[in-house]
Amino acid sequence: MTTPSTHSLPEHWTELTASRQQRALCLTALQALQRSCTETHHKTSLPDCPPCHAQALDVLKRRYTESPRREWFTQRRAFLHELEGLFQDVGEGRRGVEAVEARVEAEKEAWYRGVGMPDGGMEAVDAFAEKVSSIINSTAPTPTEEPQQLKDVYISTFFTPTPPSLTPYLESYRTSSQPLEAIIDAIVSDMSLSRANQPARHHHSARLNELRRAKSAFELNRLQAKSRAQAKRKAAAARADALAVRDELRLPRFGGGG
């Protein structure tokens, strides 16, 4: 079985949906077993019929250890191993089935703490689960691609409003066979790469700023030099004009007699 992504929060919701569906199937199987026991062995309670009780425990055990879907507990190997021991204890009369139920609830609470409860709590999870279940039940199963309706639900649930930076990723999700899990992995990986490249970007940015400042200083010096040259030319021209005027106004000299 494929190991789930560590960045697949939307898929966590789908795992809950799968869990609800499998639990409903398990309950249906137990109810059918109860009816069969009542008709065949005339027992109204499965614990009162050892062979049927053993079958019921086997149904419950396979519900967790042989689930055909990826559920919230699928990758929790230590928990599943512990459950096998608990079912053995229940079958041998050392524990009641309540011990199994309590252990499952405790592990599920730990799973919730690990992935985080979404805004809206269980009502949000229930609403999402109903939408996903309806789509899955009304769509022909395809092992390699998610139904388009399911993609739309994912996008509206997890990416609304959509930041412009995520638009290329969501377009890729809409038009390809990649699961949302792979798209989220790509987003997280690109974000990590972007953070890793920040020192280099800062260095290049600082160098560009230095070049901009140097260019500005050069332009300023050039303008100042040009201004000084123009001022010198104007001053020289003014002095030349003054000398010319003075020469024109100079009085002629007369020589004196005896």
Protein backbone atom coordinates (compact mmCIF):
# COMPACT_ATOMS: atom_id res chain seq x y z
CA MET A 1 0.00 0.00 0.00
CA THR A 2 1.26 3.48 -0.85
CA THR A 3 2.48 5.49 2.11
CA PRO A 4 0.34 8.62 2.46
CA SER A 5 1.89 12.05 2.10
CA THR A 6 2.81 14.01 5.19
CA HIS A 7 1.17 17.08 3.60
CA SER A 8 -2.19 15.61 2.66
CA LEU A 9 -4.71 17.26 4.97
CA PRO A 10 -7.54 17.13 2.38
CA GLU A 11 -6.91 13.39 2.00
CA HIS A 12 -7.29 13.08 5.77
CA TRP A 13 -10.90 14.16 5.29
CA THR A 14 -11.31 11.53 2.60
CA GLU A 15 -9.89 8.94 5.00
CA LEU A 16 -12.67 9.89 7.42
CA THR A 17 -15.24 9.49 4.66
CA ALA A 18 -13.88 6.04 3.81
CA SER A 19 -13.98 5.15 7.49
CA ARG A 20 -17.65 6.06 7.76
CA GLN A 21 -18.50 4.00 4.68
CA GLN A 22 -16.57 0.96 5.90
CA ARG A 23 -18.12 1.25 9.34
CA ALA A 24 -21.58 1.24 7.76
CA LEU A 25 -20.69 -1.91 5.79
CA CYS A 26 -19.41 -3.54 8.96
CA LEU A 27 -22.62 -2.70 10.80
CA THR A 28 -24.67 -4.17 7.95
CA ALA A 29 -22.63 -7.39 8.14
CA LEU A 30 -23.13 -7.63 11.91
CA GLN A 31 -26.87 -7.05 11.59
CA ALA A 32 -27.08 -9.80 8.98
CA LEU A 33 -25.15 -12.10 11.29
CA GLN A 34 -27.51 -11.26 14.15
CA ARG A 35 -30.56 -12.11 12.02
CA SER A 36 -28.97 -15.36 10.92
CA CYS A 37 -28.13 -16.26 14.52
CA THR A 38 -31.67 -15.52 15.66
CA GLU A 39 -33.13 -17.70 12.91
CA THR A 40 -30.62 -20.53 13.22
CA HIS A 41 -29.61 -20.60 16.89
CA HIS A 42 -32.58 -18.73 18.36
CA LYS A 43 -30.31 -16.25 20.16
CA THR A 44 -31.24 -12.59 20.41
CA SER A 45 -27.74 -11.48 21.40
CA LEU A 46 -24.52 -12.45 19.66
CA PRO A 47 -22.47 -12.73 22.89
CA ASP A 48 -24.93 -15.44 23.99
CA CYS A 49 -23.98 -17.59 20.96
CA PRO A 50 -20.26 -18.58 21.07
CA PRO A 51 -19.88 -19.50 17.37
CA CYS A 52 -21.72 -16.41 16.12
CA HIS A 53 -19.93 -14.25 18.66
CA ALA A 54 -16.61 -15.51 17.30
CA GLN A 55 -17.76 -14.66 13.77
CA ALA A 56 -18.80 -11.18 14.90
CA LEU A 57 -15.38 -10.56 16.47
CA ASP A 58 -13.74 -11.72 13.25
CA VAL A 59 -15.87 -9.24 11.26
CA LEU A 60 -14.84 -6.44 13.63
CA LYS A 61 -11.19 -7.41 13.52
CA ARG A 62 -11.11 -7.53 9.70
CA ARG A 63 -12.85 -4.17 9.69
CA TYR A 64 -9.56 -2.67 10.93
CA THR A 65 -6.83 -5.10 9.89
CA GLU A 66 -8.07 -5.84 6.34
CA SER A 67 -9.81 -2.64 5.26
CA PRO A 68 -9.82 -2.31 1.44
CA ARG A 69 -9.78 1.49 1.68
CA ARG A 70 -7.20 3.87 3.08
CA GLU A 71 -8.65 5.06 6.37
CA TRP A 72 -7.40 7.22 9.22
CA PHE A 73 -5.81 4.20 10.96
CA THR A 74 -4.33 2.44 7.91
CA GLN A 75 -0.72 3.54 8.50
CA ARG A 76 -0.85 3.32 12.32
CA ARG A 77 0.86 -0.06 12.49
CA ALA A 78 1.47 -0.14 16.24
CA PHE A 79 -2.22 0.59 16.87
CA LEU A 80 -3.36 -2.19 14.52
CA HIS A 81 -0.95 -4.64 16.15
CA GLU A 82 -2.36 -3.70 19.56
CA LEU A 83 -5.91 -4.19 18.28
CA GLU A 84 -5.10 -7.75 17.23
CA GLY A 85 -4.04 -8.49 20.80
CA LEU A 86 -7.20 -6.89 22.18
CA PHE A 87 -9.44 -8.93 19.88
CA GLN A 88 -7.64 -12.07 20.99
CA ASP A 89 -8.27 -11.13 24.63
CA VAL A 90 -11.95 -10.50 23.89
CA GLY A 91 -12.26 -13.81 22.07
CA GLU A 92 -10.73 -15.64 25.03
CA GLY A 93 -12.97 -13.84 27.52
CA ARG A 94 -10.25 -11.80 29.25
CA ARG A 95 -11.73 -8.49 28.11
CA GLY A 96 -15.01 -7.13 26.84
CA VAL A 97 -15.55 -5.63 23.40
CA GLU A 98 -15.80 -2.26 25.18
CA ALA A 99 -12.01 -2.34 25.56
CA VAL A 100 -11.66 -2.42 21.79
CA GLU A 101 -14.12 0.44 21.34
CA ALA A 102 -12.35 2.58 23.95
CA ARG A 103 -8.96 1.94 22.37
CA VAL A 104 -10.26 2.86 18.90
CA GLU A 105 -11.75 6.12 20.19
CA ALA A 106 -8.54 7.04 22.02
CA GLU A 107 -6.46 6.42 18.89
CA LYS A 108 -8.87 8.42 16.76
CA GLU A 109 -8.61 11.37 19.15
CA ALA A 110 -4.81 11.16 18.86
CA TRP A 111 -5.16 11.13 15.07
CA TYR A 112 -7.37 14.23 15.21
CA ARG A 113 -4.81 16.04 17.34
CA GLY A 114 -2.10 15.11 14.85
CA VAL A 115 -3.86 16.37 11.70
CA GLY A 116 -5.87 19.18 13.28
CA MET A 117 -9.63 19.65 13.43
CA PRO A 118 -10.84 21.96 10.63
CA ASP A 119 -12.79 25.17 11.18
CA GLY A 120 -16.39 24.26 11.86
CA GLY A 121 -15.47 21.11 13.79
CA MET A 122 -17.30 17.87 13.14
CA GLU A 123 -20.16 19.63 11.35
CA ALA A 124 -17.71 20.68 8.63
CA VAL A 125 -16.31 17.15 8.47
CA ASP A 126 -19.82 15.66 8.25
CA ALA A 127 -20.86 18.03 5.46
CA PHE A 128 -17.69 17.28 3.53
CA ALA A 129 -18.11 13.53 4.07
CA GLU A 130 -21.66 13.63 2.74
CA LYS A 131 -20.56 15.44 -0.43
CA VAL A 132 -17.67 13.08 -1.06
CA SER A 133 -19.76 9.98 -0.34
CA SER A 134 -22.45 11.15 -2.73
CA ILE A 135 -19.90 11.73 -5.50
CA ILE A 136 -18.10 8.43 -4.95
CA ASN A 137 -21.36 6.47 -4.86
CA SER A 138 -22.64 8.07 -8.07
CA THR A 139 -19.39 7.86 -10.07
CA ALA A 140 -17.85 4.81 -11.68
CA PRO A 141 -14.65 4.02 -9.77
CA THR A 142 -11.37 4.77 -11.56
CA PRO A 143 -8.21 3.68 -9.75
CA THR A 144 -5.95 6.22 -11.50
CA GLU A 145 -7.93 9.44 -11.49
CA GLU A 146 -10.25 11.33 -9.14
CA PRO A 147 -13.70 12.28 -10.50
CA GLN A 148 -13.94 15.87 -11.71
CA GLN A 149 -16.77 16.52 -9.24
CA LEU A 150 -14.53 15.40 -6.39
CA LYS A 151 -11.81 17.75 -7.62
CA ASP A 152 -14.31 20.61 -7.59
CA VAL A 153 -15.30 19.80 -4.01
CA TYR A 154 -11.66 19.70 -2.94
CA ILE A 155 -10.92 23.04 -4.57
CA SER A 156 -14.00 24.79 -3.17
CA THR A 157 -13.35 23.36 0.30
CA PHE A 158 -9.62 23.86 0.65
CA PHE A 159 -8.66 26.62 -1.79
CA THR A 160 -11.35 29.29 -1.53
CA PRO A 161 -10.40 32.07 -1.88
CA THR A 162 -7.56 31.06 -4.20
CA PRO A 163 -4.31 33.05 -3.88
CA PRO A 164 -2.87 33.91 -7.33
CA SER A 165 0.29 31.96 -6.46
CA LEU A 166 -1.73 28.72 -6.27
CA THR A 167 -3.61 29.13 -9.56
CA PRO A 168 -1.04 27.19 -11.67
CA TYR A 169 -1.13 24.27 -9.22
CA LEU A 170 -4.94 24.08 -9.24
CA GLU A 171 -5.07 24.27 -13.03
CA SER A 172 -2.64 21.35 -13.14
CA TYR A 173 -4.87 19.46 -10.70
CA ARG A 174 -7.98 20.10 -12.81
CA THR A 175 -6.44 18.99 -16.09
CA SER A 176 -4.22 16.09 -15.02
CA SER A 177 -4.64 12.70 -13.39
CA GLN A 178 -2.56 13.69 -10.37
CA PRO A 179 -4.33 13.33 -7.01
CA LEU A 180 -4.65 16.39 -4.80
CA GLU A 181 -2.09 14.79 -2.51
CA ALA A 182 0.58 15.15 -5.22
CA ILE A 183 -0.40 18.77 -5.90
CA ILE A 184 -0.10 19.68 -2.22
CA ASP A 185 3.28 17.95 -2.07
CA ALA A 186 4.41 20.09 -5.02
CA ILE A 187 3.19 23.28 -3.32
CA VAL A 188 4.97 22.45 -0.07
CA SER A 189 8.17 21.38 -1.86
CA ASP A 190 8.26 24.59 -3.90
CA MET A 191 7.69 26.65 -0.76
CA SER A 192 10.55 24.83 0.98
CA LEU A 193 12.81 25.41 -2.03
CA SER A 194 11.84 29.07 -2.06
CA ARG A 195 12.76 29.40 1.62
CA ALA A 196 16.05 27.59 1.02
CA ASN A 197 16.91 30.05 -1.76
CA GLN A 198 16.13 33.13 0.32
CA PRO A 199 19.78 33.77 1.39
CA ALA A 200 20.92 33.75 -2.25
CA ARG A 201 18.03 35.99 -3.26
CA HIS A 202 18.88 38.39 -0.43
CA HIS A 203 22.53 38.44 -1.56
CA HIS A 204 21.58 39.15 -5.17
CA SER A 205 19.06 41.76 -4.08
CA ALA A 206 21.66 43.50 -1.91
CA ARG A 207 24.16 43.46 -4.77
CA LEU A 208 21.58 44.91 -7.16
CA ASN A 209 20.80 47.65 -4.65
CA GLU A 210 24.51 48.45 -4.41
CA LEU A 211 24.75 48.67 -8.19
CA ARG A 212 21.68 50.90 -8.32
CA ARG A 213 23.15 53.21 -5.68
CA ALA A 214 26.51 53.30 -7.49
CA LYS A 215 24.77 54.11 -10.77
CA SER A 216 22.75 56.86 -9.10
CA ALA A 217 25.90 58.31 -7.52
CA PHE A 218 27.67 58.20 -10.89
CA GLU A 219 24.78 59.98 -12.59
CA LEU A 220 24.70 62.59 -9.82
CA ASN A 221 28.45 63.19 -10.05
CA ARG A 222 28.21 63.45 -13.82
CA LEU A 223 25.43 66.01 -13.57
CA GLN A 224 27.30 67.95 -10.89
CA ALA A 225 30.49 67.96 -13.00
CA LYS A 226 28.50 69.12 -16.02
CA SER A 227 26.89 71.84 -13.94
CA ARG A 228 30.25 72.99 -12.59
CA ALA A 229 31.70 73.07 -16.11
CA GLN A 230 28.77 75.13 -17.32
CA ALA A 231 29.18 77.50 -14.38
CA LYS A 232 32.87 77.91 -15.13
CA ARG A 233 32.15 78.64 -18.78
CA LYS A 234 29.53 81.19 -17.82
CA ALA A 235 31.92 82.83 -15.33
CA ALA A 236 34.71 82.97 -17.91
CA ALA A 237 32.34 84.47 -20.45
CA ALA A 238 31.19 87.04 -17.91
CA ARG A 239 34.76 88.05 -17.09
CA ALA A 240 35.56 88.37 -20.80
CA ASP A 241 32.52 90.60 -21.30
CA ALA A 242 33.53 92.77 -18.33
CA LEU A 243 37.05 93.24 -19.67
CA ALA A 244 35.70 94.18 -23.06
CA VAL A 245 33.37 96.82 -21.58
CA ARG A 246 36.14 98.22 -19.41
CA ASP A 247 38.42 98.53 -22.42
CA GLU A 248 35.73 100.39 -24.32
CA LEU A 249 35.18 102.86 -21.45
CA ARG A 250 38.85 103.50 -20.76
CA LEU A 251 39.67 107.30 -21.28
CA PRO A 252 42.46 108.27 -23.69
CA ARG A 253 45.70 109.63 -22.20
CA PHE A 254 46.92 113.21 -23.17
CA GLY A 255 50.58 114.21 -22.97
CA GLY A 256 51.32 117.52 -20.96
CA GLY A 257 53.40 120.48 -22.34
CA GLY A 258 55.75 122.98 -20.59
